[in-house]
Amino acid sequence: THKAENVPGSFLVFRTSIFEKIGGFDEKYFLYMEDCDI
């Protein structure tokens, strides 16, 4: 287990408070780069 720099989006789990704080996924992205961004 360790801090992750870039997690692929095939399966992500978020605390609701963190997901709300960051504003969720950015709609400007398509596939892979949205994972990098989030």
Full PDB file with SEQRES, HELIX, SHEET, SSBOND, CRYST1, ORIGX, SCALE, CONECT and MASTER records, all heavy atoms in Angstrom:
SEQRES   1 A   38  THR HIS LYS ALA GLU ASN VAL PRO GLY SER PHE LEU VAL          
SEQRES   2 A   38  PHE ARG THR SER ILE PHE GLU LYS ILE GLY GLY PHE ASP          
SEQRES   3 A   38  GLU LYS TYR PHE LEU TYR MET GLU ASP CYS ASP ILE              
HELIX    1 AA1 THR A   16  ILE A   22  1                                   7    
HELIX    2 AA2 TYR A   32  ASP A   37  1                                   6    
CRYST1    1.000    1.000    1.000  90.00  90.00  90.00 P 1           1          
ORIGX1      1.000000  0.000000  0.000000        0.00000                         
ORIGX2      0.000000  1.000000  0.000000        0.00000                         
ORIGX3      0.000000  0.000000  1.000000        0.00000                         
SCALE1      1.000000  0.000000  0.000000        0.00000                         
SCALE2      0.000000  1.000000  0.000000        0.00000                         
SCALE3      0.000000  0.000000  1.000000        0.00000                         
ATOM      1  N   THR A   1       0.858  -1.187   0.000  1.00  0.00           N  
ATOM      2  CA  THR A   1       0.000   0.000   0.000  1.00  0.00           C  
ATOM      3  C   THR A   1       0.894   1.236   0.000  1.00  0.00           C  
ATOM      4  O   THR A   1       1.850   1.311   0.760  1.00  0.00           O  
ATOM      5  CB  THR A   1      -0.897   0.005   1.245  1.00  0.00           C  
ATOM      6  OG1 THR A   1      -1.698  -1.178   1.234  1.00  0.00           O  
ATOM      7  CG2 THR A   1      -1.794   1.229   1.282  1.00  0.00           C  
ATOM      8  N   HIS A   2       0.589   2.187  -0.872  1.00  0.00           N  
ATOM      9  CA  HIS A   2       1.372   3.424  -0.907  1.00  0.00           C  
ATOM     10  C   HIS A   2       0.616   4.513  -1.657  1.00  0.00           C  
ATOM     11  O   HIS A   2      -0.383   4.251  -2.322  1.00  0.00           O  
ATOM     12  CB  HIS A   2       2.748   3.193  -1.539  1.00  0.00           C  
ATOM     13  CG  HIS A   2       2.703   2.580  -2.908  1.00  0.00           C  
ATOM     14  ND1 HIS A   2       2.616   3.313  -4.062  1.00  0.00           N  
ATOM     15  CD2 HIS A   2       2.724   1.285  -3.289  1.00  0.00           C  
ATOM     16  CE1 HIS A   2       2.598   2.498  -5.096  1.00  0.00           C  
ATOM     17  NE2 HIS A   2       2.653   1.269  -4.661  1.00  0.00           N  
ATOM     18  N   LYS A   3       1.096   5.735  -1.502  1.00  0.00           N  
ATOM     19  CA  LYS A   3       0.502   6.877  -2.192  1.00  0.00           C  
ATOM     20  C   LYS A   3       0.621   6.670  -3.697  1.00  0.00           C  
ATOM     21  O   LYS A   3       1.631   6.183  -4.193  1.00  0.00           O  
ATOM     22  CB  LYS A   3       1.210   8.175  -1.785  1.00  0.00           C  
ATOM     23  CG  LYS A   3       0.546   9.395  -2.368  1.00  0.00           C  
ATOM     24  CD  LYS A   3       1.159  10.687  -1.843  1.00  0.00           C  
ATOM     25  CE  LYS A   3       0.473  11.860  -2.518  1.00  0.00           C  
ATOM     26  NZ  LYS A   3       0.983  13.135  -2.068  1.00  0.00           N  
ATOM     27  N   ALA A   4      -0.430   7.036  -4.416  1.00  0.00           N  
ATOM     28  CA  ALA A   4      -0.478   6.824  -5.863  1.00  0.00           C  
ATOM     29  C   ALA A   4      -0.435   8.158  -6.594  1.00  0.00           C  
ATOM     30  O   ALA A   4      -1.114   9.109  -6.220  1.00  0.00           O  
ATOM     31  CB  ALA A   4      -1.750   6.076  -6.236  1.00  0.00           C  
ATOM     32  N   GLU A   5       0.376   8.216  -7.641  1.00  0.00           N  
ATOM     33  CA  GLU A   5       0.484   9.427  -8.460  1.00  0.00           C  
ATOM     34  C   GLU A   5      -0.568   9.467  -9.560  1.00  0.00           C  
ATOM     35  O   GLU A   5      -0.992  10.531  -9.995  1.00  0.00           O  
ATOM     36  CB  GLU A   5       1.868   9.492  -9.122  1.00  0.00           C  
ATOM     37  CG  GLU A   5       3.013   9.653  -8.172  1.00  0.00           C  
ATOM     38  CD  GLU A   5       4.355   9.649  -8.893  1.00  0.00           C  
ATOM     39  OE1 GLU A   5       4.410   9.880 -10.107  1.00  0.00           O  
ATOM     40  OE2 GLU A   5       5.359   9.412  -8.217  1.00  0.00           O  
ATOM     41  N   ASN A   6      -0.959   8.291 -10.070  1.00  0.00           N  
ATOM     42  CA  ASN A   6      -1.821   8.231 -11.246  1.00  0.00           C  
ATOM     43  C   ASN A   6      -2.556   6.889 -11.223  1.00  0.00           C  
ATOM     44  O   ASN A   6      -1.962   5.861 -11.499  1.00  0.00           O  
ATOM     45  CB  ASN A   6      -0.963   8.362 -12.500  1.00  0.00           C  
ATOM     46  CG  ASN A   6      -1.764   8.423 -13.772  1.00  0.00           C  
ATOM     47  OD1 ASN A   6      -2.966   8.225 -13.805  1.00  0.00           O  
ATOM     48  ND2 ASN A   6      -1.070   8.689 -14.858  1.00  0.00           N  
ATOM     49  N   VAL A   7      -3.832   6.914 -10.892  1.00  0.00           N  
ATOM     50  CA  VAL A   7      -4.604   5.684 -10.760  1.00  0.00           C  
ATOM     51  C   VAL A   7      -5.505   5.504 -11.981  1.00  0.00           C  
ATOM     52  O   VAL A   7      -6.296   6.384 -12.289  1.00  0.00           O  
ATOM     53  CB  VAL A   7      -5.464   5.718  -9.477  1.00  0.00           C  
ATOM     54  CG1 VAL A   7      -6.273   4.442  -9.340  1.00  0.00           C  
ATOM     55  CG2 VAL A   7      -4.590   5.940  -8.257  1.00  0.00           C  
ATOM     56  N   PRO A   8      -5.397   4.364 -12.668  1.00  0.00           N  
ATOM     57  CA  PRO A   8      -6.287   4.103 -13.801  1.00  0.00           C  
ATOM     58  C   PRO A   8      -7.736   4.021 -13.342  1.00  0.00           C  
ATOM     59  O   PRO A   8      -8.014   3.553 -12.241  1.00  0.00           O  
ATOM     60  CB  PRO A   8      -5.826   2.757 -14.355  1.00  0.00           C  
ATOM     61  CG  PRO A   8      -4.503   2.502 -13.748  1.00  0.00           C  
ATOM     62  CD  PRO A   8      -4.427   3.297 -12.479  1.00  0.00           C  
ATOM     63  N   GLY A   9      -8.641   4.437 -14.176  1.00  0.00           N  
ATOM     64  CA  GLY A   9     -10.044   4.548 -13.794  1.00  0.00           C  
ATOM     65  C   GLY A   9     -10.915   3.345 -13.982  1.00  0.00           C  
ATOM     66  O   GLY A   9     -12.133   3.461 -13.917  1.00  0.00           O  
ATOM     67  N   SER A  10     -10.338   2.172 -14.236  1.00  0.00           N  
ATOM     68  CA  SER A  10     -11.204   1.012 -14.386  1.00  0.00           C  
ATOM     69  C   SER A  10     -11.949   0.718 -13.081  1.00  0.00           C  
ATOM     70  O   SER A  10     -13.031   0.149 -13.094  1.00  0.00           O  
ATOM     71  CB  SER A  10     -10.404  -0.215 -14.836  1.00  0.00           C  
ATOM     72  OG  SER A  10      -9.388  -0.513 -13.906  1.00  0.00           O  
ATOM     73  N   PHE A  11     -11.379   1.150 -11.972  1.00  0.00           N  
ATOM     74  CA  PHE A  11     -12.058   0.995 -10.688  1.00  0.00           C  
ATOM     75  C   PHE A  11     -11.443   1.949  -9.677  1.00  0.00           C  
ATOM     76  O   PHE A  11     -10.302   1.776  -9.259  1.00  0.00           O  
ATOM     77  CB  PHE A  11     -11.947  -0.445 -10.175  1.00  0.00           C  
ATOM     78  CG  PHE A  11     -12.831  -0.714  -9.001  1.00  0.00           C  
ATOM     79  CD1 PHE A  11     -14.174  -0.969  -9.188  1.00  0.00           C  
ATOM     80  CD2 PHE A  11     -12.321  -0.694  -7.718  1.00  0.00           C  
ATOM     81  CE1 PHE A  11     -15.001  -1.221  -8.098  1.00  0.00           C  
ATOM     82  CE2 PHE A  11     -13.131  -0.938  -6.629  1.00  0.00           C  
ATOM     83  CZ  PHE A  11     -14.474  -1.214  -6.823  1.00  0.00           C  
ATOM     84  N   LEU A  12     -12.198   2.953  -9.298  1.00  0.00           N  
ATOM     85  CA  LEU A  12     -11.745   3.926  -8.302  1.00  0.00           C  
ATOM     86  C   LEU A  12     -12.771   3.986  -7.179  1.00  0.00           C  
ATOM     87  O   LEU A  12     -13.975   3.874  -7.427  1.00  0.00           O  
ATOM     88  CB  LEU A  12     -11.638   5.325  -8.915  1.00  0.00           C  
ATOM     89  CG  LEU A  12     -10.652   5.520 -10.053  1.00  0.00           C  
ATOM     90  CD1 LEU A  12     -10.867   6.888 -10.701  1.00  0.00           C  
ATOM     91  CD2 LEU A  12      -9.241   5.418  -9.529  1.00  0.00           C  
ATOM     92  N   VAL A  13     -12.305   4.175  -5.956  1.00  0.00           N  
ATOM     93  CA  VAL A  13     -13.188   4.344  -4.811  1.00  0.00           C  
ATOM     94  C   VAL A  13     -12.802   5.659  -4.148  1.00  0.00           C  
ATOM     95  O   VAL A  13     -11.618   5.923  -3.928  1.00  0.00           O  
ATOM     96  CB  VAL A  13     -13.038   3.181  -3.803  1.00  0.00           C  
ATOM     97  CG1 VAL A  13     -13.895   3.419  -2.576  1.00  0.00           C  
ATOM     98  CG2 VAL A  13     -13.377   1.859  -4.457  1.00  0.00           C  
ATOM     99  N   PHE A  14     -13.812   6.488  -3.857  1.00  0.00           N  
ATOM    100  CA  PHE A  14     -13.572   7.790  -3.233  1.00  0.00           C  
ATOM    101  C   PHE A  14     -14.384   7.910  -1.955  1.00  0.00           C  
ATOM    102  O   PHE A  14     -15.500   7.398  -1.875  1.00  0.00           O  
ATOM    103  CB  PHE A  14     -14.058   8.936  -4.148  1.00  0.00           C  
ATOM    104  CG  PHE A  14     -13.335   9.071  -5.427  1.00  0.00           C  
ATOM    105  CD1 PHE A  14     -13.771   8.411  -6.567  1.00  0.00           C  
ATOM    106  CD2 PHE A  14     -12.211   9.878  -5.520  1.00  0.00           C  
ATOM    107  CE1 PHE A  14     -13.108   8.548  -7.767  1.00  0.00           C  
ATOM    108  CE2 PHE A  14     -11.539  10.014  -6.711  1.00  0.00           C  
ATOM    109  CZ  PHE A  14     -11.996   9.351  -7.836  1.00  0.00           C  
ATOM    110  N   ARG A  15     -13.854   8.630  -0.999  1.00  0.00           N  
ATOM    111  CA  ARG A  15     -14.688   9.110   0.090  1.00  0.00           C  
ATOM    112  C   ARG A  15     -15.569  10.195  -0.513  1.00  0.00           C  
ATOM    113  O   ARG A  15     -15.093  11.035  -1.285  1.00  0.00           O  
ATOM    114  CB  ARG A  15     -13.844   9.711   1.209  1.00  0.00           C  
ATOM    115  CG  ARG A  15     -13.129   8.690   2.010  1.00  0.00           C  
ATOM    116  CD  ARG A  15     -12.519   9.330   3.250  1.00  0.00           C  
ATOM    117  NE  ARG A  15     -11.919   8.276   4.041  1.00  0.00           N  
ATOM    118  CZ  ARG A  15     -10.760   8.383   4.649  1.00  0.00           C  
ATOM    119  NH1 ARG A  15     -10.078   9.509   4.580  1.00  0.00           N  
ATOM    120  NH2 ARG A  15     -10.292   7.385   5.352  1.00  0.00           N  
ATOM    121  N   THR A  16     -16.829  10.197  -0.149  1.00  0.00           N  
ATOM    122  CA  THR A  16     -17.763  11.183  -0.703  1.00  0.00           C  
ATOM    123  C   THR A  16     -17.282  12.598  -0.440  1.00  0.00           C  
ATOM    124  O   THR A  16     -17.345  13.450  -1.329  1.00  0.00           O  
ATOM    125  CB  THR A  16     -19.173  10.967  -0.116  1.00  0.00           C  
ATOM    126  OG1 THR A  16     -19.596   9.632  -0.413  1.00  0.00           O  
ATOM    127  CG2 THR A  16     -20.165  11.965  -0.696  1.00  0.00           C  
ATOM    128  N   SER A  17     -16.754  12.850   0.745  1.00  0.00           N  
ATOM    129  CA  SER A  17     -16.301  14.207   1.085  1.00  0.00           C  
ATOM    130  C   SER A  17     -15.163  14.658   0.167  1.00  0.00           C  
ATOM    131  O   SER A  17     -15.116  15.829  -0.239  1.00  0.00           O  
ATOM    132  CB  SER A  17     -15.857  14.281   2.548  1.00  0.00           C  
ATOM    133  OG  SER A  17     -14.775  13.385   2.783  1.00  0.00           O  
ATOM    134  N   ILE A  18     -14.252  13.754  -0.181  1.00  0.00           N  
ATOM    135  CA  ILE A  18     -13.137  14.098  -1.071  1.00  0.00           C  
ATOM    136  C   ILE A  18     -13.661  14.316  -2.481  1.00  0.00           C  
ATOM    137  O   ILE A  18     -13.290  15.289  -3.155  1.00  0.00           O  
ATOM    138  CB  ILE A  18     -12.051  12.997  -1.062  1.00  0.00           C  
ATOM    139  CG1 ILE A  18     -11.456  12.835   0.338  1.00  0.00           C  
ATOM    140  CG2 ILE A  18     -10.972  13.273  -2.102  1.00  0.00           C  
ATOM    141  CD1 ILE A  18     -10.752  14.057   0.881  1.00  0.00           C  
ATOM    142  N   PHE A  19     -14.532  13.435  -2.944  1.00  0.00           N  
ATOM    143  CA  PHE A  19     -15.101  13.552  -4.288  1.00  0.00           C  
ATOM    144  C   PHE A  19     -15.843  14.880  -4.443  1.00  0.00           C  
ATOM    145  O   PHE A  19     -15.713  15.564  -5.459  1.00  0.00           O  
ATOM    146  CB  PHE A  19     -16.021  12.365  -4.578  1.00  0.00           C  
ATOM    147  CG  PHE A  19     -16.395  12.217  -6.011  1.00  0.00           C  
ATOM    148  CD1 PHE A  19     -15.469  11.773  -6.945  1.00  0.00           C  
ATOM    149  CD2 PHE A  19     -17.680  12.507  -6.441  1.00  0.00           C  
ATOM    150  CE1 PHE A  19     -15.807  11.624  -8.279  1.00  0.00           C  
ATOM    151  CE2 PHE A  19     -18.031  12.354  -7.771  1.00  0.00           C  
ATOM    152  CZ  PHE A  19     -17.095  11.916  -8.693  1.00  0.00           C  
ATOM    153  N   GLU A  20     -16.596  15.277  -3.431  1.00  0.00           N  
ATOM    154  CA  GLU A  20     -17.307  16.559  -3.471  1.00  0.00           C  
ATOM    155  C   GLU A  20     -16.330  17.728  -3.413  1.00  0.00           C  
ATOM    156  O   GLU A  20     -16.510  18.736  -4.106  1.00  0.00           O  
ATOM    157  CB  GLU A  20     -18.310  16.639  -2.325  1.00  0.00           C  
ATOM    158  CG  GLU A  20     -19.496  15.715  -2.520  1.00  0.00           C  
ATOM    159  CD  GLU A  20     -20.397  15.622  -1.299  1.00  0.00           C  
ATOM    160  OE1 GLU A  20     -20.001  16.071  -0.191  1.00  0.00           O  
ATOM    161  OE2 GLU A  20     -21.512  15.076  -1.450  1.00  0.00           O  
ATOM    162  N   LYS A  21     -15.291  17.609  -2.597  1.00  0.00           N  
ATOM    163  CA  LYS A  21     -14.305  18.685  -2.444  1.00  0.00           C  
ATOM    164  C   LYS A  21     -13.577  18.981  -3.758  1.00  0.00           C  
ATOM    165  O   LYS A  21     -13.306  20.141  -4.074  1.00  0.00           O  
ATOM    166  CB  LYS A  21     -13.287  18.306  -1.371  1.00  0.00           C  
ATOM    167  CG  LYS A  21     -12.398  19.425  -0.924  1.00  0.00           C  
ATOM    168  CD  LYS A  21     -11.478  18.935   0.193  1.00  0.00           C  
ATOM    169  CE  LYS A  21     -11.531  19.892   1.334  1.00  0.00           C  
ATOM    170  NZ  LYS A  21     -10.694  19.500   2.463  1.00  0.00           N  
ATOM    171  N   ILE A  22     -13.270  17.946  -4.532  1.00  0.00           N  
ATOM    172  CA  ILE A  22     -12.546  18.143  -5.793  1.00  0.00           C  
ATOM    173  C   ILE A  22     -13.482  18.426  -6.965  1.00  0.00           C  
ATOM    174  O   ILE A  22     -13.026  18.717  -8.063  1.00  0.00           O  
ATOM    175  CB  ILE A  22     -11.632  16.951  -6.122  1.00  0.00           C  
ATOM    176  CG1 ILE A  22     -12.440  15.680  -6.356  1.00  0.00           C  
ATOM    177  CG2 ILE A  22     -10.582  16.769  -5.038  1.00  0.00           C  
ATOM    178  CD1 ILE A  22     -11.634  14.508  -6.880  1.00  0.00           C  
ATOM    179  N   GLY A  23     -14.772  18.330  -6.748  1.00  0.00           N  
ATOM    180  CA  GLY A  23     -15.731  18.623  -7.810  1.00  0.00           C  
ATOM    181  C   GLY A  23     -15.931  17.486  -8.799  1.00  0.00           C  
ATOM    182  O   GLY A  23     -16.405  17.710  -9.919  1.00  0.00           O  
ATOM    183  N   GLY A  24     -15.585  16.280  -8.405  1.00  0.00           N  
ATOM    184  CA  GLY A  24     -15.817  15.119  -9.265  1.00  0.00           C  
ATOM    185  C   GLY A  24     -14.931  15.108 -10.499  1.00  0.00           C  
ATOM    186  O   GLY A  24     -13.888  15.755 -10.556  1.00  0.00           O  
ATOM    187  N   PHE A  25     -15.373  14.361 -11.486  1.00  0.00           N  
ATOM    188  CA  PHE A  25     -14.633  14.257 -12.750  1.00  0.00           C  
ATOM    189  C   PHE A  25     -14.816  15.511 -13.585  1.00  0.00           C  
ATOM    190  O   PHE A  25     -15.868  16.148 -13.555  1.00  0.00           O  
ATOM    191  CB  PHE A  25     -15.128  13.051 -13.564  1.00  0.00           C  
ATOM    192  CG  PHE A  25     -14.664  11.730 -13.031  1.00  0.00           C  
ATOM    193  CD1 PHE A  25     -15.482  10.988 -12.192  1.00  0.00           C  
ATOM    194  CD2 PHE A  25     -13.415  11.233 -13.363  1.00  0.00           C  
ATOM    195  CE1 PHE A  25     -15.059   9.766 -11.697  1.00  0.00           C  
ATOM    196  CE2 PHE A  25     -12.976  10.022 -12.873  1.00  0.00           C  
ATOM    197  CZ  PHE A  25     -13.805   9.281 -12.035  1.00  0.00           C  
ATOM    198  N   ASP A  26     -13.806  15.866 -14.338  1.00  0.00           N  
ATOM    199  CA  ASP A  26     -13.851  17.007 -15.249  1.00  0.00           C  
ATOM    200  C   ASP A  26     -14.369  16.524 -16.592  1.00  0.00           C  
ATOM    201  O   ASP A  26     -13.790  15.636 -17.212  1.00  0.00           O  
ATOM    202  CB  ASP A  26     -12.439  17.587 -15.399  1.00  0.00           C  
ATOM    203  CG  ASP A  26     -12.424  18.901 -16.144  1.00  0.00           C  
ATOM    204  OD1 ASP A  26     -13.282  19.117 -17.020  1.00  0.00           O  
ATOM    205  OD2 ASP A  26     -11.526  19.718 -15.865  1.00  0.00           O  
ATOM    206  N   GLU A  27     -15.444  17.110 -17.058  1.00  0.00           N  
ATOM    207  CA  GLU A  27     -16.092  16.680 -18.299  1.00  0.00           C  
ATOM    208  C   GLU A  27     -15.282  16.990 -19.560  1.00  0.00           C  
ATOM    209  O   GLU A  27     -15.628  16.530 -20.643  1.00  0.00           O  
ATOM    210  CB  GLU A  27     -17.474  17.341 -18.419  1.00  0.00           C  
ATOM    211  CG  GLU A  27     -18.449  16.910 -17.338  1.00  0.00           C  
ATOM    212  CD  GLU A  27     -18.862  15.449 -17.466  1.00  0.00           C  
ATOM    213  OE1 GLU A  27     -19.001  14.958 -18.595  1.00  0.00           O  
ATOM    214  OE2 GLU A  27     -19.029  14.799 -16.410  1.00  0.00           O  
ATOM    215  N   LYS A  28     -14.196  17.734 -19.448  1.00  0.00           N  
ATOM    216  CA  LYS A  28     -13.376  18.066 -20.624  1.00  0.00           C  
ATOM    217  C   LYS A  28     -12.544  16.887 -21.113  1.00  0.00           C  
ATOM    218  O   LYS A  28     -11.977  16.942 -22.188  1.00  0.00           O  
ATOM    219  CB  LYS A  28     -12.444  19.230 -20.316  1.00  0.00           C  
ATOM    220  CG  LYS A  28     -13.138  20.549 -20.150  1.00  0.00           C  
ATOM    221  CD  LYS A  28     -12.121  21.634 -19.893  1.00  0.00           C  
ATOM    222  CE  LYS A  28     -12.427  22.223 -18.561  1.00  0.00           C  
ATOM    223  NZ  LYS A  28     -11.421  22.636 -17.715  1.00  0.00           N  
ATOM    224  N   TYR A  29     -12.461  15.839 -20.297  1.00  0.00           N  
ATOM    225  CA  TYR A  29     -11.583  14.719 -20.630  1.00  0.00           C  
ATOM    226  C   TYR A  29     -12.343  13.550 -21.238  1.00  0.00           C  
ATOM    227  O   TYR A  29     -13.522  13.348 -20.979  1.00  0.00           O  
ATOM    228  CB  TYR A  29     -10.842  14.223 -19.383  1.00  0.00           C  
ATOM    229  CG  TYR A  29      -9.901  15.234 -18.819  1.00  0.00           C  
ATOM    230  CD1 TYR A  29     -10.228  15.953 -17.686  1.00  0.00           C  
ATOM    231  CD2 TYR A  29      -8.682  15.482 -19.428  1.00  0.00           C  
ATOM    232  CE1 TYR A  29      -9.351  16.888 -17.162  1.00  0.00           C  
ATOM    233  CE2 TYR A  29      -7.808  16.421 -18.913  1.00  0.00           C  
ATOM    234  CZ  TYR A  29      -8.152  17.110 -17.773  1.00  0.00           C  
ATOM    235  OH  TYR A  29      -7.290  18.035 -17.265  1.00  0.00           O  
ATOM    236  N   PHE A  30     -11.593  12.753 -22.002  1.00  0.00           N  
ATOM    237  CA  PHE A  30     -12.095  11.522 -22.588  1.00  0.00           C  
ATOM    238  C   PHE A  30     -11.147  10.405 -22.178  1.00  0.00           C  
ATOM    239  O   PHE A  30      -9.948  10.459 -22.434  1.00  0.00           O  
ATOM    240  CB  PHE A  30     -12.123  11.652 -24.121  1.00  0.00           C  
ATOM    241  CG  PHE A  30     -12.483  10.387 -24.832  1.00  0.00           C  
ATOM    242  CD1 PHE A  30     -13.794   9.974 -24.901  1.00  0.00           C  
ATOM    243  CD2 PHE A  30     -11.511   9.627 -25.451  1.00  0.00           C  
ATOM    244  CE1 PHE A  30     -14.141   8.816 -25.569  1.00  0.00           C  
ATOM    245  CE2 PHE A  30     -11.843   8.468 -26.135  1.00  0.00           C  
ATOM    246  CZ  PHE A  30     -13.161   8.053 -26.188  1.00  0.00           C  
ATOM    247  N   LEU A  31     -11.668   9.429 -21.503  1.00  0.00           N  
ATOM    248  CA  LEU A  31     -10.905   8.254 -21.075  1.00  0.00           C  
ATOM    249  C   LEU A  31      -9.653   8.594 -20.286  1.00  0.00           C  
ATOM    250  O   LEU A  31      -9.713   9.377 -19.360  1.00  0.00           O  
ATOM    251  CB  LEU A  31     -10.583   7.351 -22.265  1.00  0.00           C  
ATOM    252  CG  LEU A  31     -11.770   6.588 -22.830  1.00  0.00           C  
ATOM    253  CD1 LEU A  31     -11.361   5.810 -24.066  1.00  0.00           C  
ATOM    254  CD2 LEU A  31     -12.384   5.649 -21.819  1.00  0.00           C  
ATOM    255  N   TYR A  32      -8.518   8.060 -20.643  1.00  0.00           N  
ATOM    256  CA  TYR A  32      -7.322   7.977 -19.807  1.00  0.00           C  
ATOM    257  C   TYR A  32      -6.921   9.239 -19.058  1.00  0.00           C  
ATOM    258  O   TYR A  32      -6.532   9.167 -17.904  1.00  0.00           O  
ATOM    259  CB  TYR A  32      -6.131   7.492 -20.640  1.00  0.00           C  
ATOM    260  CG  TYR A  32      -6.446   6.227 -21.368  1.00  0.00           C  
ATOM    261  CD1 TYR A  32      -6.643   6.235 -22.739  1.00  0.00           C  
ATOM    262  CD2 TYR A  32      -6.590   5.035 -20.681  1.00  0.00           C  
ATOM    263  CE1 TYR A  32      -6.965   5.068 -23.412  1.00  0.00           C  
ATOM    264  CE2 TYR A  32      -6.914   3.862 -21.343  1.00  0.00           C  
ATOM    265  CZ  TYR A  32      -7.108   3.886 -22.709  1.00  0.00           C  
ATOM    266  OH  TYR A  32      -7.428   2.750 -23.358  1.00  0.00           O  
ATOM    267  N   MET A  33      -6.977  10.371 -19.661  1.00  0.00           N  
ATOM    268  CA  MET A  33      -6.479  11.578 -19.008  1.00  0.00           C  
ATOM    269  C   MET A  33      -7.390  12.043 -17.875  1.00  0.00           C  
ATOM    270  O   MET A  33      -6.941  12.737 -16.973  1.00  0.00           O  
ATOM    271  CB  MET A  33      -6.253  12.695 -20.020  1.00  0.00           C  
ATOM    272  CG  MET A  33      -5.258  12.337 -21.114  1.00  0.00           C  
ATOM    273  SD  MET A  33      -3.729  11.521 -20.575  1.00  0.00           S  
ATOM    274  CE  MET A  33      -2.866  12.839 -19.781  1.00  0.00           C  
ATOM    275  N   GLU A  34      -8.664  11.653 -17.889  1.00  0.00           N  
ATOM    276  CA  GLU A  34      -9.526  12.009 -16.763  1.00  0.00           C  
ATOM    277  C   GLU A  34      -9.060  11.302 -15.493  1.00  0.00           C  
ATOM    278  O   GLU A  34      -9.178  11.840 -14.399  1.00  0.00           O  
ATOM    279  CB  GLU A  34     -10.985  11.694 -17.060  1.00  0.00           C  
ATOM    280  CG  GLU A  34     -11.329  10.224 -17.105  1.00  0.00           C  
ATOM    281  CD  GLU A  34     -12.778   9.953 -17.491  1.00  0.00           C  
ATOM    282  OE1 GLU A  34     -13.589  10.890 -17.532  1.00  0.00           O  
ATOM    283  OE2 GLU A  34     -13.084   8.784 -17.735  1.00  0.00           O  
ATOM    284  N   ASP A  35      -8.484  10.098 -15.654  1.00  0.00           N  
ATOM    285  CA  ASP A  35      -7.941   9.377 -14.508  1.00  0.00           C  
ATOM    286  C   ASP A  35      -6.737  10.121 -13.930  1.00  0.00           C  
ATOM    287  O   ASP A  35      -6.605  10.251 -12.711  1.00  0.00           O  
ATOM    288  CB  ASP A  35      -7.502   7.970 -14.904  1.00  0.00           C  
ATOM    289  CG  ASP A  35      -8.564   7.195 -15.647  1.00  0.00           C  
ATOM    290  OD1 ASP A  35      -9.754   7.565 -15.552  1.00  0.00           O  
ATOM    291  OD2 ASP A  35      -8.206   6.228 -16.332  1.00  0.00           O  
ATOM    292  N   CYS A  36      -5.868  10.576 -14.813  1.00  0.00           N  
ATOM    293  CA  CYS A  36      -4.689  11.346 -14.383  1.00  0.00           C  
ATOM    294  C   CYS A  36      -5.132  12.608 -13.658  1.00  0.00           C  
ATOM    295  O   CYS A  36      -4.608  12.950 -12.594  1.00  0.00           O  
ATOM    296  CB  CYS A  36      -3.829  11.733 -15.585  1.00  0.00           C  
ATOM    297  SG  CYS A  36      -3.249  10.372 -16.594  1.00  0.00           S  
ATOM    298  N   ASP A  37      -6.094  13.299 -14.236  1.00  0.00           N  
ATOM    299  CA  ASP A  37      -6.571  14.556 -13.677  1.00  0.00           C  
ATOM    300  C   ASP A  37      -7.193  14.362 -12.294  1.00  0.00           C  
ATOM    301  O   ASP A  37      -6.871  15.089 -11.357  1.00  0.00           O  
ATOM    302  CB  ASP A  37      -7.594  15.199 -14.619  1.00  0.00           C  
ATOM    303  CG  ASP A  37      -8.151  16.486 -14.079  1.00  0.00           C  
ATOM    304  OD1 ASP A  37      -7.399  17.477 -14.022  1.00  0.00           O  
ATOM    305  OD2 ASP A  37      -9.345  16.524 -13.701  1.00  0.00           O  
ATOM    306  N   ILE A  38      -8.068  13.374 -12.159  1.00  0.00           N  
ATOM    307  CA  ILE A  38      -8.748  13.216 -10.865  1.00  0.00           C  
ATOM    308  C   ILE A  38      -7.776  12.772  -9.782  1.00  0.00           C  
ATOM    309  O   ILE A  38      -7.894  13.180  -8.636  1.00  0.00           O  
ATOM    310  CB  ILE A  38      -9.989  12.297 -10.965  1.00  0.00           C  
ATOM    311  CG1 ILE A  38     -10.931  12.618  -9.810  1.00  0.00           C  
ATOM    312  CG2 ILE A  38      -9.610  10.825 -11.039  1.00  0.00           C  
ATOM    313  CD1 ILE A  38     -12.362  12.243 -10.022  1.00  0.00           C  
TER     314      ILE A  38                                                      
MASTER        0    0    0    2    0    0    0    6  313    1    0    3          
END                                                                             
